[in-house]
Amino acid sequence: MVPSTQSGAWHSALASEPRRRVLAVLEESAHPVDAVTVAAAVGVHVTTARFHLEHLEAAGLVSREVARSGRRGRPQVLFRATVAPVPVGEAQQRLTHALASVIGDDSDGGRARAERAGERWSEQLTTAASAAEHDGALAGPTPVLLRALTEIGFEPELRDETTIALLACPFRAEARALPDVVCSVHLGLLRGLARSEGDTGDVGLRPFVQPDLCLVDLPAARRTAE
């Protein structure tokens, strides 16, 4: 099992898109390369390349070695990618980011296809069936949304009859990097779940109203039929 501290270091190091490109250069190279070569391949200044290489090295994703040429002067420092096991969660994050990056190349930033993907996701959830009995004082799709969002890991909190606060997001890093795609998937999921309960209103999503808070706007207040 990979220690959580190591997994956190990998995640922090790979949160930077230029740093991922630096690592990709090393992974694709058959031999160790120096910072000058990395800088030229990525298109950054050599000082910037060294900065990213040091972060990757600190995370255990890159190792360095000194080339002994036999000449006088400062020896050449070379870098290579370190083969390391990737934790399941980290692998899933990389896959999510890779898929979102491809969709994000669409002319609309990937929003339309991402929303359709979220709607497909909603069809796969069994939450609607398990929530056929509407608990509490609310009717309509609200209990379904709360159950689904809880199961996925959003930590939803009903603020009032028209607003659900999302206090957590299992895809937050990906959403920050590619909000058009990731947040549109979540919007499609919400709308699909609402429609599964016969609601034709337009559920809305307000991403990152605060750094760690998103809000779901319900179409209208829903009260238990008297």
Protein backbone atom coordinates (compact mmCIF):
# COMPACT_ATOMS: atom_id res chain seq x y z
CA MET A 1 0.00 0.00 0.00
CA VAL A 2 1.28 3.46 -0.91
CA PRO A 3 1.54 5.81 2.11
CA SER A 4 -0.99 8.65 1.99
CA THR A 5 1.84 11.18 2.35
CA GLN A 6 3.50 9.82 -0.80
CA SER A 7 0.21 9.82 -2.70
CA GLY A 8 -0.36 13.42 -1.61
CA ALA A 9 3.11 14.40 -2.83
CA TRP A 10 2.44 12.82 -6.23
CA HIS A 11 -0.90 14.59 -6.50
CA SER A 12 0.64 17.94 -5.59
CA ALA A 13 3.49 17.52 -8.05
CA LEU A 14 1.21 16.43 -10.91
CA ALA A 15 -1.39 19.16 -10.30
CA SER A 16 0.73 21.40 -12.55
CA GLU A 17 0.16 20.89 -16.29
CA PRO A 18 3.71 22.04 -17.25
CA ARG A 19 5.10 19.64 -14.66
CA ARG A 20 3.15 16.78 -16.22
CA ARG A 21 4.70 17.69 -19.58
CA VAL A 22 8.17 17.67 -18.04
CA LEU A 23 7.53 14.22 -16.61
CA ALA A 24 6.20 13.03 -19.98
CA VAL A 25 9.47 14.10 -21.66
CA LEU A 26 11.44 11.99 -19.20
CA GLU A 27 9.09 9.02 -19.53
CA GLU A 28 9.39 9.08 -23.32
CA SER A 29 13.17 9.34 -23.32
CA ALA A 30 15.16 6.11 -23.57
CA HIS A 31 18.06 7.74 -21.70
CA PRO A 32 18.46 10.24 -18.85
CA VAL A 33 18.42 13.86 -20.07
CA ASP A 34 19.57 17.17 -18.66
CA ALA A 35 17.51 20.23 -17.76
CA VAL A 36 18.49 22.02 -20.99
CA THR A 37 17.04 19.20 -23.09
CA VAL A 38 13.86 19.14 -21.00
CA ALA A 39 13.47 22.92 -21.29
CA ALA A 40 13.78 22.77 -25.08
CA ALA A 41 11.27 19.92 -25.36
CA VAL A 42 8.66 21.64 -23.17
CA GLY A 43 9.31 25.16 -24.42
CA VAL A 44 10.27 26.82 -21.14
CA HIS A 45 13.37 28.51 -19.73
CA VAL A 46 15.96 26.14 -18.31
CA THR A 47 15.49 27.68 -14.85
CA THR A 48 11.77 26.86 -15.03
CA ALA A 49 12.56 23.32 -16.15
CA ARG A 50 14.89 22.85 -13.17
CA PHE A 51 12.16 24.16 -10.86
CA HIS A 52 9.70 21.54 -12.13
CA LEU A 53 12.32 18.79 -12.07
CA GLU A 54 13.10 19.54 -8.43
CA HIS A 55 9.42 19.29 -7.50
CA LEU A 56 9.07 15.98 -9.33
CA GLU A 57 12.23 14.70 -7.66
CA ALA A 58 10.95 15.69 -4.21
CA ALA A 59 7.76 13.72 -4.93
CA GLY A 60 9.78 10.64 -5.89
CA LEU A 61 8.69 10.76 -9.54
CA VAL A 62 12.12 11.73 -10.89
CA SER A 63 15.66 10.73 -9.96
CA ARG A 64 18.93 12.41 -10.85
CA GLU A 65 22.39 11.13 -11.67
CA VAL A 66 25.72 12.76 -12.41
CA ALA A 67 27.35 12.07 -15.76
CA ARG A 68 31.06 11.37 -15.30
CA SER A 69 32.70 12.53 -18.50
CA GLY A 70 36.28 12.62 -17.17
CA ARG A 71 36.59 16.27 -18.11
CA ARG A 72 37.31 19.13 -15.76
CA GLY A 73 34.52 21.44 -14.71
CA ARG A 74 31.05 21.01 -13.32
CA PRO A 75 29.64 17.52 -14.01
CA GLN A 76 26.44 17.23 -16.01
CA VAL A 77 23.29 16.42 -14.02
CA LEU A 78 20.85 14.10 -15.78
CA PHE A 79 17.27 13.19 -14.90
CA ARG A 80 15.13 10.13 -15.52
CA ALA A 81 11.53 9.24 -14.66
CA THR A 82 11.24 6.94 -11.68
CA VAL A 83 9.07 3.87 -12.13
CA ALA A 84 6.71 3.98 -9.17
CA PRO A 85 3.41 2.29 -8.41
CA VAL A 86 0.45 4.57 -8.95
CA PRO A 87 -2.31 4.31 -6.32
CA VAL A 88 -5.77 3.48 -7.62
CA GLY A 89 -7.17 6.89 -6.72
CA GLU A 90 -4.29 8.62 -8.46
CA ALA A 91 -4.74 6.47 -11.55
CA GLN A 92 -8.43 7.33 -11.68
CA GLN A 93 -7.62 11.03 -11.40
CA ARG A 94 -5.14 10.81 -14.25
CA LEU A 95 -7.67 8.94 -16.40
CA THR A 96 -10.38 11.50 -15.62
CA HIS A 97 -8.03 14.34 -16.50
CA ALA A 98 -6.94 12.66 -19.73
CA LEU A 99 -10.53 12.07 -20.88
CA ALA A 100 -11.60 15.58 -19.88
CA SER A 101 -8.64 17.07 -21.75
CA VAL A 102 -9.70 15.36 -24.98
CA ILE A 103 -13.34 16.40 -24.65
CA GLY A 104 -12.18 19.92 -23.78
CA ASP A 105 -10.81 20.29 -27.31
CA ASP A 106 -14.39 20.69 -28.65
CA SER A 107 -15.34 24.11 -29.99
CA ASP A 108 -17.56 24.78 -26.95
CA GLY A 109 -14.89 23.67 -24.50
CA GLY A 110 -16.53 20.26 -24.18
CA ARG A 111 -19.63 21.45 -22.32
CA ALA A 112 -22.25 19.80 -24.57
CA ARG A 113 -20.64 16.37 -24.71
CA ALA A 114 -19.76 16.51 -21.02
CA GLU A 115 -23.35 17.28 -20.06
CA ARG A 116 -24.59 14.35 -22.16
CA ALA A 117 -22.05 12.13 -20.41
CA GLY A 118 -23.45 13.25 -17.06
CA GLU A 119 -26.96 12.39 -18.19
CA ARG A 120 -25.77 8.90 -19.17
CA TRP A 121 -24.18 8.60 -15.76
CA SER A 122 -27.50 9.41 -14.10
CA GLU A 123 -29.10 6.52 -15.98
CA GLN A 124 -26.65 4.09 -14.41
CA LEU A 125 -27.42 5.10 -10.85
CA THR A 126 -29.95 3.09 -8.88
CA THR A 127 -30.58 5.91 -6.46
CA ALA A 128 -33.86 6.93 -8.03
CA ALA A 129 -35.32 3.47 -7.50
CA SER A 130 -34.12 3.21 -3.91
CA ALA A 131 -35.53 6.65 -3.14
CA ALA A 132 -39.04 5.97 -4.45
CA GLU A 133 -40.31 6.70 -0.96
CA HIS A 134 -39.71 10.44 -0.56
CA ASP A 135 -38.51 10.93 2.97
CA GLY A 136 -38.73 14.09 5.04
CA ALA A 137 -40.72 17.17 4.19
CA LEU A 138 -39.72 17.36 0.53
CA ALA A 139 -41.31 15.92 -2.57
CA GLY A 140 -40.05 15.73 -6.13
CA PRO A 141 -36.45 14.97 -7.11
CA THR A 142 -34.75 16.64 -4.12
CA PRO A 143 -34.34 13.42 -2.06
CA VAL A 144 -33.04 11.62 -5.14
CA LEU A 145 -30.43 14.32 -5.73
CA LEU A 146 -29.37 14.32 -2.09
CA ARG A 147 -28.98 10.55 -2.01
CA ALA A 148 -27.03 10.42 -5.28
CA LEU A 149 -24.74 13.29 -4.34
CA THR A 150 -24.08 11.69 -0.95
CA GLU A 151 -23.23 8.33 -2.50
CA ILE A 152 -20.80 9.93 -4.96
CA GLY A 153 -19.05 11.94 -2.23
CA PHE A 154 -20.24 15.55 -2.67
CA GLU A 155 -21.42 15.89 0.96
CA PRO A 156 -24.62 17.74 -0.03
CA GLU A 157 -26.44 19.98 2.41
CA LEU A 158 -29.96 21.28 1.79
CA ARG A 159 -29.72 25.00 2.51
CA ASP A 160 -33.33 25.86 1.69
CA GLU A 161 -36.11 24.66 -0.60
CA THR A 162 -34.26 25.76 -3.74
CA THR A 163 -30.57 25.32 -2.92
CA ILE A 164 -28.27 22.38 -2.21
CA ALA A 165 -24.73 23.16 -1.09
CA LEU A 166 -21.95 20.78 -2.18
CA LEU A 167 -19.36 20.85 0.60
CA ALA A 168 -16.96 18.40 -1.06
CA CYS A 169 -16.11 17.16 -4.53
CA PRO A 170 -14.26 13.92 -5.33
CA PHE A 171 -13.22 15.51 -8.65
CA ARG A 172 -12.17 18.92 -7.33
CA ALA A 173 -8.63 18.92 -8.77
CA GLU A 174 -9.95 17.94 -12.20
CA ALA A 175 -12.79 20.49 -11.94
CA ARG A 176 -10.34 23.29 -11.17
CA ALA A 177 -8.16 22.32 -14.13
CA LEU A 178 -11.02 21.73 -16.61
CA PRO A 179 -14.20 23.29 -15.19
CA ASP A 180 -16.08 23.45 -18.52
CA VAL A 181 -15.87 19.67 -18.87
CA VAL A 182 -16.00 18.33 -15.32
CA CYS A 183 -18.64 20.71 -13.99
CA SER A 184 -20.77 20.13 -17.11
CA VAL A 185 -20.68 16.39 -16.41
CA HIS A 186 -21.99 17.11 -12.92
CA LEU A 187 -24.69 19.41 -14.33
CA GLY A 188 -25.83 16.68 -16.73
CA LEU A 189 -25.91 14.21 -13.85
CA LEU A 190 -28.11 16.54 -11.78
CA ARG A 191 -30.51 17.21 -14.63
CA GLY A 192 -30.73 13.54 -15.54
CA LEU A 193 -31.56 12.55 -11.97
CA ALA A 194 -34.19 15.28 -11.74
CA ARG A 195 -35.81 14.17 -14.99
CA SER A 196 -35.89 10.56 -13.77
CA GLU A 197 -38.35 11.79 -11.14
CA GLY A 198 -40.52 13.58 -13.68
CA ASP A 199 -39.15 17.07 -13.04
CA THR A 200 -38.98 19.13 -16.23
CA GLY A 201 -37.48 22.21 -14.57
CA ASP A 202 -33.94 23.30 -15.22
CA VAL A 203 -31.59 22.35 -12.39
CA GLY A 204 -28.61 24.71 -12.25
CA LEU A 205 -25.08 24.41 -10.93
CA ARG A 206 -22.91 27.26 -9.65
CA PRO A 207 -19.35 25.92 -9.42
CA PHE A 208 -16.84 27.37 -6.96
CA VAL A 209 -18.94 30.14 -5.45
CA GLN A 210 -16.28 29.75 -2.78
CA PRO A 211 -12.98 27.87 -3.17
CA ASP A 212 -14.47 24.70 -1.65
CA LEU A 213 -18.18 25.25 -2.21
CA CYS A 214 -20.53 24.73 -5.16
CA LEU A 215 -24.29 25.34 -5.18
CA VAL A 216 -27.10 23.43 -6.90
CA ASP A 217 -30.12 25.54 -7.84
CA LEU A 218 -33.40 23.62 -7.81
CA PRO A 219 -36.10 24.76 -10.27
CA ALA A 220 -38.66 25.66 -7.61
CA ALA A 221 -39.60 25.15 -3.98
CA ARG A 222 -41.00 21.71 -3.33
CA ARG A 223 -43.29 20.96 -0.43
CA THR A 224 -45.06 17.79 0.58
CA ALA A 225 -48.54 17.64 -0.87
CA GLU A 226 -51.01 18.22 1.88
